[in-house]
Amino acid sequence: MSLRVEYHELVDLDLLDAWTWYEDQEDGLGDRFLGAIHATVVRASRWPNAGRPVLRDDRDEIVERKVPADGFPYAVRYRILGDRLLVMAVLHQSRHPNFGDDRQP
């Protein structure tokens, strides 16, 4: 059973920036990028605990996880909130590792 997927309000900007860059490189590449991100989110919703922990709270409990996208140097950061998977950020993997830490659900 998959978790219900929701997106942080800033994820649209993450996706638009990357899509624009890929489309500028090659027509249709941006759409392939979005497809890869979608597949990554679906995978995370099916196996939410499989992502690598990237953010912990004061009690050292996992707050946020990250899973890489196939075929692109991007990853999806997400939180598990009950029966929901909240996508917090879509980020290039060469970005600072704390990118997205300041985003609140």
PDB file of N, CA and C in Angstrom:
ATOM      1  N   MET A   1       0.844  -1.189   0.000  1.00  0.00           N
ATOM      2  CA  MET A   1       0.000   0.000   0.000  1.00  0.00           C
ATOM      3  C   MET A   1       0.883   1.244   0.000  1.00  0.00           C
ATOM      4  N   SER A   2       0.533   2.195  -0.816  1.00  0.00           N
ATOM      5  CA  SER A   2       1.317   3.426  -0.940  1.00  0.00           C
ATOM      6  C   SER A   2       0.765   4.525  -0.046  1.00  0.00           C
ATOM      7  N   LEU A   3       1.656   5.380   0.398  1.00  0.00           N
ATOM      8  CA  LEU A   3       1.235   6.564   1.141  1.00  0.00           C
ATOM      9  C   LEU A   3       0.663   7.592   0.171  1.00  0.00           C
ATOM     10  N   ARG A   4      -0.243   8.403   0.659  1.00  0.00           N
ATOM     11  CA  ARG A   4      -0.785   9.507  -0.134  1.00  0.00           C
ATOM     12  C   ARG A   4       0.301  10.571  -0.253  1.00  0.00           C
ATOM     13  N   VAL A   5       0.518  11.076  -1.461  1.00  0.00           N
ATOM     14  CA  VAL A   5       1.613  12.017  -1.719  1.00  0.00           C
ATOM     15  C   VAL A   5       1.095  13.451  -1.747  1.00  0.00           C
ATOM     16  N   GLU A   6       1.806  14.323  -1.040  1.00  0.00           N
ATOM     17  CA  GLU A   6       1.558  15.764  -1.076  1.00  0.00           C
ATOM     18  C   GLU A   6       2.896  16.454  -1.311  1.00  0.00           C
ATOM     19  N   TYR A   7       2.834  17.710  -1.732  1.00  0.00           N
ATOM     20  CA  TYR A   7       4.048  18.454  -2.072  1.00  0.00           C
ATOM     21  C   TYR A   7       4.122  19.771  -1.312  1.00  0.00           C
ATOM     22  N   HIS A   8       5.306  20.078  -0.806  1.00  0.00           N
ATOM     23  CA  HIS A   8       5.564  21.388  -0.215  1.00  0.00           C
ATOM     24  C   HIS A   8       5.371  22.437  -1.309  1.00  0.00           C
ATOM     25  N   GLU A   9       4.917  23.617  -0.932  1.00  0.00           N
ATOM     26  CA  GLU A   9       4.605  24.661  -1.915  1.00  0.00           C
ATOM     27  C   GLU A   9       5.807  25.087  -2.758  1.00  0.00           C
ATOM     28  N   LEU A  10       7.026  24.916  -2.280  1.00  0.00           N
ATOM     29  CA  LEU A  10       8.210  25.332  -3.033  1.00  0.00           C
ATOM     30  C   LEU A  10       8.722  24.272  -4.007  1.00  0.00           C
ATOM     31  N   VAL A  11       8.170  23.072  -3.955  1.00  0.00           N
ATOM     32  CA  VAL A  11       8.623  22.013  -4.862  1.00  0.00           C
ATOM     33  C   VAL A  11       8.340  22.385  -6.314  1.00  0.00           C
ATOM     34  N   ASP A  12       7.235  23.076  -6.569  1.00  0.00           N
ATOM     35  CA  ASP A  12       6.945  23.520  -7.941  1.00  0.00           C
ATOM     36  C   ASP A  12       8.094  24.344  -8.512  1.00  0.00           C
ATOM     37  N   LEU A  13       8.676  25.211  -7.695  1.00  0.00           N
ATOM     38  CA  LEU A  13       9.807  26.027  -8.156  1.00  0.00           C
ATOM     39  C   LEU A  13      11.042  25.167  -8.398  1.00  0.00           C
ATOM     40  N   ASP A  14      11.285  24.190  -7.518  1.00  0.00           N
ATOM     41  CA  ASP A  14      12.401  23.262  -7.721  1.00  0.00           C
ATOM     42  C   ASP A  14      12.266  22.579  -9.079  1.00  0.00           C
ATOM     43  N   LEU A  15      11.068  22.070  -9.347  1.00  0.00           N
ATOM     44  CA  LEU A  15      10.828  21.336 -10.584  1.00  0.00           C
ATOM     45  C   LEU A  15      10.905  22.238 -11.806  1.00  0.00           C
ATOM     46  N   LEU A  16      10.343  23.432 -11.708  1.00  0.00           N
ATOM     47  CA  LEU A  16      10.368  24.353 -12.845  1.00  0.00           C
ATOM     48  C   LEU A  16      11.791  24.751 -13.207  1.00  0.00           C
ATOM     49  N   ASP A  17      12.603  25.044 -12.209  1.00  0.00           N
ATOM     50  CA  ASP A  17      14.002  25.410 -12.470  1.00  0.00           C
ATOM     51  C   ASP A  17      14.736  24.292 -13.201  1.00  0.00           C
ATOM     52  N   ALA A  18      14.595  23.079 -12.704  1.00  0.00           N
ATOM     53  CA  ALA A  18      15.292  21.949 -13.321  1.00  0.00           C
ATOM     54  C   ALA A  18      14.720  21.638 -14.699  1.00  0.00           C
ATOM     55  N   TRP A  19      13.399  21.649 -14.826  1.00  0.00           N
ATOM     56  CA  TRP A  19      12.765  21.369 -16.117  1.00  0.00           C
ATOM     57  C   TRP A  19      13.242  22.361 -17.167  1.00  0.00           C
ATOM     58  N   THR A  20      13.278  23.642 -16.805  1.00  0.00           N
ATOM     59  CA  THR A  20      13.717  24.679 -17.741  1.00  0.00           C
ATOM     60  C   THR A  20      15.152  24.432 -18.184  1.00  0.00           C
ATOM     61  N   TRP A  21      16.026  24.117 -17.240  1.00  0.00           N
ATOM     62  CA  TRP A  21      17.422  23.873 -17.585  1.00  0.00           C
ATOM     63  C   TRP A  21      17.540  22.685 -18.536  1.00  0.00           C
ATOM     64  N   TYR A  22      16.850  21.589 -18.235  1.00  0.00           N
ATOM     65  CA  TYR A  22      16.930  20.406 -19.097  1.00  0.00           C
ATOM     66  C   TYR A  22      16.312  20.658 -20.469  1.00  0.00           C
ATOM     67  N   GLU A  23      15.219  21.376 -20.535  1.00  0.00           N
ATOM     68  CA  GLU A  23      14.610  21.695 -21.834  1.00  0.00           C
ATOM     69  C   GLU A  23      15.527  22.578 -22.675  1.00  0.00           C
ATOM     70  N   ASP A  24      16.274  23.473 -22.024  1.00  0.00           N
ATOM     71  CA  ASP A  24      17.242  24.303 -22.746  1.00  0.00           C
ATOM     72  C   ASP A  24      18.373  23.458 -23.331  1.00  0.00           C
ATOM     73  N   GLN A  25      18.665  22.327 -22.697  1.00  0.00           N
ATOM     74  CA  GLN A  25      19.729  21.446 -23.187  1.00  0.00           C
ATOM     75  C   GLN A  25      19.265  20.615 -24.377  1.00  0.00           C
ATOM     76  N   GLU A  26      18.038  20.102 -24.269  1.00  0.00           N
ATOM     77  CA  GLU A  26      17.509  19.220 -25.315  1.00  0.00           C
ATOM     78  C   GLU A  26      15.988  19.176 -25.210  1.00  0.00           C
ATOM     79  N   ASP A  27      15.323  19.364 -26.328  1.00  0.00           N
ATOM     80  CA  ASP A  27      13.866  19.330 -26.355  1.00  0.00           C
ATOM     81  C   ASP A  27      13.370  17.970 -25.850  1.00  0.00           C
ATOM     82  N   GLY A  28      12.494  17.991 -24.864  1.00  0.00           N
ATOM     83  CA  GLY A  28      11.926  16.770 -24.301  1.00  0.00           C
ATOM     84  C   GLY A  28      12.662  16.235 -23.086  1.00  0.00           C
ATOM     85  N   LEU A  29      13.890  16.712 -22.862  1.00  0.00           N
ATOM     86  CA  LEU A  29      14.662  16.220 -21.721  1.00  0.00           C
ATOM     87  C   LEU A  29      14.028  16.645 -20.397  1.00  0.00           C
ATOM     88  N   GLY A  30      13.424  17.831 -20.371  1.00  0.00           N
ATOM     89  CA  GLY A  30      12.737  18.284 -19.164  1.00  0.00           C
ATOM     90  C   GLY A  30      11.579  17.371 -18.803  1.00  0.00           C
ATOM     91  N   ASP A  31      10.847  16.924 -19.825  1.00  0.00           N
ATOM     92  CA  ASP A  31       9.736  16.010 -19.568  1.00  0.00           C
ATOM     93  C   ASP A  31      10.236  14.656 -19.072  1.00  0.00           C
ATOM     94  N   ARG A  32      11.352  14.192 -19.600  1.00  0.00           N
ATOM     95  CA  ARG A  32      11.937  12.937 -19.102  1.00  0.00           C
ATOM     96  C   ARG A  32      12.385  13.100 -17.649  1.00  0.00           C
ATOM     97  N   PHE A  33      12.913  14.282 -17.337  1.00  0.00           N
ATOM     98  CA  PHE A  33      13.290  14.576 -15.953  1.00  0.00           C
ATOM     99  C   PHE A  33      12.066  14.484 -15.038  1.00  0.00           C
ATOM    100  N   LEU A  34      10.967  15.126 -15.435  1.00  0.00           N
ATOM    101  CA  LEU A  34       9.752  15.078 -14.608  1.00  0.00           C
ATOM    102  C   LEU A  34       9.252  13.650 -14.440  1.00  0.00           C
ATOM    103  N   GLY A  35       9.353  12.853 -15.497  1.00  0.00           N
ATOM    104  CA  GLY A  35       8.962  11.445 -15.402  1.00  0.00           C
ATOM    105  C   GLY A  35       9.812  10.684 -14.398  1.00  0.00           C
ATOM    106  N   ALA A  36      11.112  10.970 -14.395  1.00  0.00           N
ATOM    107  CA  ALA A  36      12.018  10.312 -13.443  1.00  0.00           C
ATOM    108  C   ALA A  36      11.696  10.726 -12.012  1.00  0.00           C
ATOM    109  N   ILE A  37      11.384  11.995 -11.817  1.00  0.00           N
ATOM    110  CA  ILE A  37      11.028  12.470 -10.474  1.00  0.00           C
ATOM    111  C   ILE A  37       9.719  11.831 -10.027  1.00  0.00           C
ATOM    112  N   HIS A  38       8.751  11.770 -10.932  1.00  0.00           N
ATOM    113  CA  HIS A  38       7.470  11.132 -10.597  1.00  0.00           C
ATOM    114  C   HIS A  38       7.695   9.673 -10.178  1.00  0.00           C
ATOM    115  N   ALA A  39       8.497   8.940 -10.937  1.00  0.00           N
ATOM    116  CA  ALA A  39       8.780   7.541 -10.604  1.00  0.00           C
ATOM    117  C   ALA A  39       9.470   7.431  -9.244  1.00  0.00           C
ATOM    118  N   THR A  40      10.336   8.382  -8.936  1.00  0.00           N
ATOM    119  CA  THR A  40      11.032   8.394  -7.651  1.00  0.00           C
ATOM    120  C   THR A  40      10.052   8.617  -6.506  1.00  0.00           C
ATOM    121  N   VAL A  41       9.121   9.542  -6.696  1.00  0.00           N
ATOM    122  CA  VAL A  41       8.115   9.823  -5.665  1.00  0.00           C
ATOM    123  C   VAL A  41       7.211   8.605  -5.459  1.00  0.00           C
ATOM    124  N   VAL A  42       6.808   7.964  -6.541  1.00  0.00           N
ATOM    125  CA  VAL A  42       5.976   6.760  -6.425  1.00  0.00           C
ATOM    126  C   VAL A  42       6.723   5.680  -5.654  1.00  0.00           C
ATOM    127  N   ARG A  43       7.992   5.486  -5.984  1.00  0.00           N
ATOM    128  CA  ARG A  43       8.814   4.488  -5.285  1.00  0.00           C
ATOM    129  C   ARG A  43       8.904   4.817  -3.790  1.00  0.00           C
ATOM    130  N   ALA A  44       9.119   6.094  -3.477  1.00  0.00           N
ATOM    131  CA  ALA A  44       9.211   6.509  -2.070  1.00  0.00           C
ATOM    132  C   ALA A  44       7.885   6.299  -1.344  1.00  0.00           C
ATOM    133  N   SER A  45       6.777   6.517  -2.036  1.00  0.00           N
ATOM    134  CA  SER A  45       5.471   6.332  -1.385  1.00  0.00           C
ATOM    135  C   SER A  45       5.188   4.857  -1.110  1.00  0.00           C
ATOM    136  N   ARG A  46       5.763   3.977  -1.910  1.00  0.00           N
ATOM    137  CA  ARG A  46       5.575   2.532  -1.702  1.00  0.00           C
ATOM    138  C   ARG A  46       6.502   1.973  -0.629  1.00  0.00           C
ATOM    139  N   TRP A  47       7.731   2.498  -0.576  1.00  0.00           N
ATOM    140  CA  TRP A  47       8.728   2.037   0.389  1.00  0.00           C
ATOM    141  C   TRP A  47       9.310   3.244   1.109  1.00  0.00           C
ATOM    142  N   PRO A  48       8.519   3.907   1.946  1.00  0.00           N
ATOM    143  CA  PRO A  48       8.935   5.182   2.539  1.00  0.00           C
ATOM    144  C   PRO A  48      10.152   5.105   3.458  1.00  0.00           C
ATOM    145  N   ASN A  49      10.389   3.975   4.075  1.00  0.00           N
ATOM    146  CA  ASN A  49      11.533   3.870   4.984  1.00  0.00           C
ATOM    147  C   ASN A  49      12.835   3.511   4.280  1.00  0.00           C
ATOM    148  N   ALA A  50      12.795   3.353   2.971  1.00  0.00           N
ATOM    149  CA  ALA A  50      13.991   2.970   2.218  1.00  0.00           C
ATOM    150  C   ALA A  50      14.924   4.153   1.955  1.00  0.00           C
ATOM    151  N   GLY A  51      14.407   5.369   2.034  1.00  0.00           N
ATOM    152  CA  GLY A  51      15.242   6.544   1.780  1.00  0.00           C
ATOM    153  C   GLY A  51      16.293   6.744   2.861  1.00  0.00           C
ATOM    154  N   ARG A  52      17.388   7.369   2.474  1.00  0.00           N
ATOM    155  CA  ARG A  52      18.478   7.644   3.424  1.00  0.00           C
ATOM    156  C   ARG A  52      18.076   8.784   4.353  1.00  0.00           C
ATOM    157  N   PRO A  53      18.203   8.617   5.664  1.00  0.00           N
ATOM    158  CA  PRO A  53      17.889   9.706   6.596  1.00  0.00           C
ATOM    159  C   PRO A  53      18.803  10.910   6.355  1.00  0.00           C
ATOM    160  N   VAL A  54      18.196  12.106   6.298  1.00  0.00           N
ATOM    161  CA  VAL A  54      18.984  13.330   6.093  1.00  0.00           C
ATOM    162  C   VAL A  54      18.714  14.395   7.146  1.00  0.00           C
ATOM    163  N   LEU A  55      17.673  14.218   7.945  1.00  0.00           N
ATOM    164  CA  LEU A  55      17.348  15.200   8.976  1.00  0.00           C
ATOM    165  C   LEU A  55      16.774  14.460  10.180  1.00  0.00           C
ATOM    166  N   ARG A  56      17.315  14.786  11.355  1.00  0.00           N
ATOM    167  CA  ARG A  56      16.849  14.165  12.596  1.00  0.00           C
ATOM    168  C   ARG A  56      16.433  15.257  13.574  1.00  0.00           C
ATOM    169  N   ASP A  57      15.557  14.891  14.505  1.00  0.00           N
ATOM    170  CA  ASP A  57      15.119  15.855  15.515  1.00  0.00           C
ATOM    171  C   ASP A  57      16.036  15.792  16.737  1.00  0.00           C
ATOM    172  N   ASP A  58      15.661  16.516  17.786  1.00  0.00           N
ATOM    173  CA  ASP A  58      16.476  16.583  19.004  1.00  0.00           C
ATOM    174  C   ASP A  58      16.611  15.235  19.715  1.00  0.00           C
ATOM    175  N   ARG A  59      15.673  14.330  19.461  1.00  0.00           N
ATOM    176  CA  ARG A  59      15.726  12.993  20.081  1.00  0.00           C
ATOM    177  C   ARG A  59      16.384  11.971  19.156  1.00  0.00           C
ATOM    178  N   ASP A  60      16.995  12.461  18.080  1.00  0.00           N
ATOM    179  CA  ASP A  60      17.692  11.645  17.087  1.00  0.00           C
ATOM    180  C   ASP A  60      16.742  10.757  16.281  1.00  0.00           C
ATOM    181  N   GLU A  61      15.467  11.129  16.235  1.00  0.00           N
ATOM    182  CA  GLU A  61      14.515  10.394  15.407  1.00  0.00           C
ATOM    183  C   GLU A  61      14.532  10.972  14.001  1.00  0.00           C
ATOM    184  N   ILE A  62      14.341  10.108  13.020  1.00  0.00           N
ATOM    185  CA  ILE A  62      14.377  10.530  11.618  1.00  0.00           C
ATOM    186  C   ILE A  62      13.172  11.405  11.312  1.00  0.00           C
ATOM    187  N   VAL A  63      13.439  12.585  10.770  1.00  0.00           N
ATOM    188  CA  VAL A  63      12.390  13.518  10.388  1.00  0.00           C
ATOM    189  C   VAL A  63      12.226  13.527   8.869  1.00  0.00           C
ATOM    190  N   GLU A  64      13.340  13.412   8.165  1.00  0.00           N
ATOM    191  CA  GLU A  64      13.304  13.540   6.716  1.00  0.00           C
ATOM    192  C   GLU A  64      14.262  12.545   6.075  1.00  0.00           C
ATOM    193  N   ARG A  65      13.866  12.067   4.887  1.00  0.00           N
ATOM    194  CA  ARG A  65      14.674  11.113   4.129  1.00  0.00           C
ATOM    195  C   ARG A  65      14.890  11.641   2.718  1.00  0.00           C
ATOM    196  N   LYS A  66      15.852  11.022   2.028  1.00  0.00           N
ATOM    197  CA  LYS A  66      16.163  11.425   0.656  1.00  0.00           C
ATOM    198  C   LYS A  66      16.362  10.169  -0.177  1.00  0.00           C
ATOM    199  N   VAL A  67      15.847  10.198  -1.410  1.00  0.00           N
ATOM    200  CA  VAL A  67      16.021   9.089  -2.337  1.00  0.00           C
ATOM    201  C   VAL A  67      16.446   9.661  -3.692  1.00  0.00           C
ATOM    202  N   PRO A  68      17.460   9.061  -4.335  1.00  0.00           N
ATOM    203  CA  PRO A  68      17.935   9.584  -5.614  1.00  0.00           C
ATOM    204  C   PRO A  68      16.991   9.240  -6.761  1.00  0.00           C
ATOM    205  N   ALA A  69      16.960  10.117  -7.751  1.00  0.00           N
ATOM    206  CA  ALA A  69      16.191   9.878  -8.972  1.00  0.00           C
ATOM    207  C   ALA A  69      17.042   9.062  -9.938  1.00  0.00           C
ATOM    208  N   ASP A  70      16.425   8.169 -10.668  1.00  0.00           N
ATOM    209  CA  ASP A  70      17.145   7.377 -11.667  1.00  0.00           C
ATOM    210  C   ASP A  70      17.425   8.217 -12.912  1.00  0.00           C
ATOM    211  N   GLY A  71      18.670   8.184 -13.365  1.00  0.00           N
ATOM    212  CA  GLY A  71      19.031   8.816 -14.628  1.00  0.00           C
ATOM    213  C   GLY A  71      19.330  10.297 -14.577  1.00  0.00           C
ATOM    214  N   PHE A  72      19.154  10.922 -13.428  1.00  0.00           N
ATOM    215  CA  PHE A  72      19.415  12.353 -13.273  1.00  0.00           C
ATOM    216  C   PHE A  72      20.112  12.572 -11.930  1.00  0.00           C
ATOM    217  N   PRO A  73      20.943  13.604 -11.835  1.00  0.00           N
ATOM    218  CA  PRO A  73      21.666  13.853 -10.575  1.00  0.00           C
ATOM    219  C   PRO A  73      20.819  14.617  -9.553  1.00  0.00           C
ATOM    220  N   TYR A  74      19.591  14.190  -9.384  1.00  0.00           N
ATOM    221  CA  TYR A  74      18.644  14.831  -8.476  1.00  0.00           C
ATOM    222  C   TYR A  74      18.160  13.834  -7.435  1.00  0.00           C
ATOM    223  N   ALA A  75      17.646  14.368  -6.350  1.00  0.00           N
ATOM    224  CA  ALA A  75      17.068  13.540  -5.294  1.00  0.00           C
ATOM    225  C   ALA A  75      15.783  14.189  -4.800  1.00  0.00           C
ATOM    226  N   VAL A  76      14.951  13.376  -4.189  1.00  0.00           N
ATOM    227  CA  VAL A  76      13.690  13.825  -3.602  1.00  0.00           C
ATOM    228  C   VAL A  76      13.825  13.711  -2.086  1.00  0.00           C
ATOM    229  N   ARG A  77      13.613  14.831  -1.389  1.00  0.00           N
ATOM    230  CA  ARG A  77      13.577  14.841   0.082  1.00  0.00           C
ATOM    231  C   ARG A  77      12.122  14.797   0.510  1.00  0.00           C
ATOM    232  N   TYR A  78      11.841  13.979   1.530  1.00  0.00           N
ATOM    233  CA  TYR A  78      10.448  13.828   1.953  1.00  0.00           C
ATOM    234  C   TYR A  78      10.343  13.521   3.436  1.00  0.00           C
ATOM    235  N   ARG A  79       9.138  13.749   3.936  1.00  0.00           N
ATOM    236  CA  ARG A  79       8.787  13.413   5.316  1.00  0.00           C
ATOM    237  C   ARG A  79       7.611  12.449   5.292  1.00  0.00           C
ATOM    238  N   ILE A  80       7.593  11.571   6.271  1.00  0.00           N
ATOM    239  CA  ILE A  80       6.468  10.662   6.451  1.00  0.00           C
ATOM    240  C   ILE A  80       5.623  11.237   7.580  1.00  0.00           C
ATOM    241  N   LEU A  81       4.391  11.583   7.254  1.00  0.00           N
ATOM    242  CA  LEU A  81       3.471  12.189   8.224  1.00  0.00           C
ATOM    243  C   LEU A  81       2.208  11.334   8.291  1.00  0.00           C
ATOM    244  N   GLY A  82       2.239  10.337   9.140  1.00  0.00           N
ATOM    245  CA  GLY A  82       1.100   9.426   9.245  1.00  0.00           C
ATOM    246  C   GLY A  82       0.955   8.620   7.971  1.00  0.00           C
ATOM    247  N   ASP A  83      -0.192   8.786   7.289  1.00  0.00           N
ATOM    248  CA  ASP A  83      -0.427   8.056   6.040  1.00  0.00           C
ATOM    249  C   ASP A  83      -0.055   8.884   4.811  1.00  0.00           C
ATOM    250  N   ARG A  84       0.692   9.978   5.026  1.00  0.00           N
ATOM    251  CA  ARG A  84       1.082  10.870   3.924  1.00  0.00           C
ATOM    252  C   ARG A  84       2.595  10.888   3.753  1.00  0.00           C
ATOM    253  N   LEU A  85       3.009  11.052   2.514  1.00  0.00           N
ATOM    254  CA  LEU A  85       4.402  11.321   2.194  1.00  0.00           C
ATOM    255  C   LEU A  85       4.437  12.752   1.669  1.00  0.00           C
ATOM    256  N   LEU A  86       5.117  13.624   2.389  1.00  0.00           N
ATOM    257  CA  LEU A  86       5.197  15.029   2.006  1.00  0.00           C
ATOM    258  C   LEU A  86       6.547  15.277   1.351  1.00  0.00           C
ATOM    259  N   VAL A  87       6.531  15.560   0.050  1.00  0.00           N
ATOM    260  CA  VAL A  87       7.759  15.882  -0.674  1.00  0.00           C
ATOM    261  C   VAL A  87       8.156  17.297  -0.277  1.00  0.00           C
ATOM    262  N   MET A  88       9.335  17.418   0.325  1.00  0.00           N
ATOM    263  CA  MET A  88       9.806  18.704   0.836  1.00  0.00           C
ATOM    264  C   MET A  88      10.659  19.461  -0.170  1.00  0.00           C
ATOM    265  N   ALA A  89      11.413  18.743  -1.007  1.00  0.00           N
ATOM    266  CA  ALA A  89      12.302  19.394  -1.970  1.00  0.00           C
ATOM    267  C   ALA A  89      12.718  18.398  -3.039  1.00  0.00           C
ATOM    268  N   VAL A  90      12.995  18.933  -4.215  1.00  0.00           N
ATOM    269  CA  VAL A  90      13.645  18.190  -5.290  1.00  0.00           C
ATOM    270  C   VAL A  90      14.926  18.952  -5.556  1.00  0.00           C
ATOM    271  N   LEU A  91      16.068  18.308  -5.312  1.00  0.00           N
ATOM    272  CA  LEU A  91      17.322  19.045  -5.347  1.00  0.00           C
ATOM    273  C   LEU A  91      18.393  18.322  -6.141  1.00  0.00           C
ATOM    274  N   HIS A  92      19.259  19.133  -6.760  1.00  0.00           N
ATOM    275  CA  HIS A  92      20.436  18.596  -7.439  1.00  0.00           C
ATOM    276  C   HIS A  92      21.360  18.050  -6.360  1.00  0.00           C
ATOM    277  N   GLN A  93      21.945  16.903  -6.603  1.00  0.00           N
ATOM    278  CA  GLN A  93      22.730  16.258  -5.552  1.00  0.00           C
ATOM    279  C   GLN A  93      24.057  16.945  -5.266  1.00  0.00           C
ATOM    280  N   SER A  94      24.454  17.901  -6.110  1.00  0.00           N
ATOM    281  CA  SER A  94      25.679  18.646  -5.801  1.00  0.00           C
ATOM    282  C   SER A  94      25.395  19.893  -4.963  1.00  0.00           C
ATOM    283  N   ARG A  95      24.122  20.153  -4.680  1.00  0.00           N
ATOM    284  CA  ARG A  95      23.778  21.282  -3.808  1.00  0.00           C
ATOM    285  C   ARG A  95      24.225  21.001  -2.387  1.00  0.00           C
ATOM    286  N   HIS A  96      24.267  22.054  -1.619  1.00  0.00           N
ATOM    287  CA  HIS A  96      24.630  21.915  -0.205  1.00  0.00           C
ATOM    288  C   HIS A  96      23.722  20.869   0.438  1.00  0.00           C
ATOM    289  N   PRO A  97      24.269  19.954   1.234  1.00  0.00           N
ATOM    290  CA  PRO A  97      23.452  18.880   1.811  1.00  0.00           C
ATOM    291  C   PRO A  97      22.315  19.365   2.704  1.00  0.00           C
ATOM    292  N   ASN A  98      22.383  20.588   3.186  1.00  0.00           N
ATOM    293  CA  ASN A  98      21.317  21.119   4.040  1.00  0.00           C
ATOM    294  C   ASN A  98      20.223  21.832   3.254  1.00  0.00           C
ATOM    295  N   PHE A  99      20.310  21.817   1.915  1.00  0.00           N
ATOM    296  CA  PHE A  99      19.273  22.459   1.109  1.00  0.00           C
ATOM    297  C   PHE A  99      17.916  21.857   1.464  1.00  0.00           C
ATOM    298  N   GLY A 100      16.985  22.715   1.811  1.00  0.00           N
ATOM    299  CA  GLY A 100      15.637  22.286   2.157  1.00  0.00           C
ATOM    300  C   GLY A 100      15.398  22.093   3.639  1.00  0.00           C
ATOM    301  N   ASP A 101      16.459  22.126   4.450  1.00  0.00           N
ATOM    302  CA  ASP A 101      16.280  21.923   5.896  1.00  0.00           C
ATOM    303  C   ASP A 101      15.338  22.947   6.515  1.00  0.00           C
ATOM    304  N   ASP A 102      15.310  24.144   5.962  1.00  0.00           N
ATOM    305  CA  ASP A 102      14.507  25.216   6.548  1.00  0.00           C
ATOM    306  C   ASP A 102      13.044  25.173   6.117  1.00  0.00           C
ATOM    307  N   ARG A 103      12.686  24.277   5.233  1.00  0.00           N
ATOM    308  CA  ARG A 103      11.290  24.178   4.787  1.00  0.00           C
ATOM    309  C   ARG A 103      10.472  23.458   5.851  1.00  0.00           C
ATOM    310  N   GLN A 104       9.366  24.061   6.191  1.00  0.00           N
ATOM    311  CA  GLN A 104       8.478  23.488   7.205  1.00  0.00           C
ATOM    312  C   GLN A 104       7.249  22.892   6.534  1.00  0.00           C
ATOM    313  N   PRO A 105       6.744  21.776   7.080  1.00  0.00           N
ATOM    314  CA  PRO A 105       5.541  21.150   6.486  1.00  0.00           C
ATOM    315  C   PRO A 105       4.315  22.031   6.611  1.00  0.00           C
TER     316      PRO A 105
END
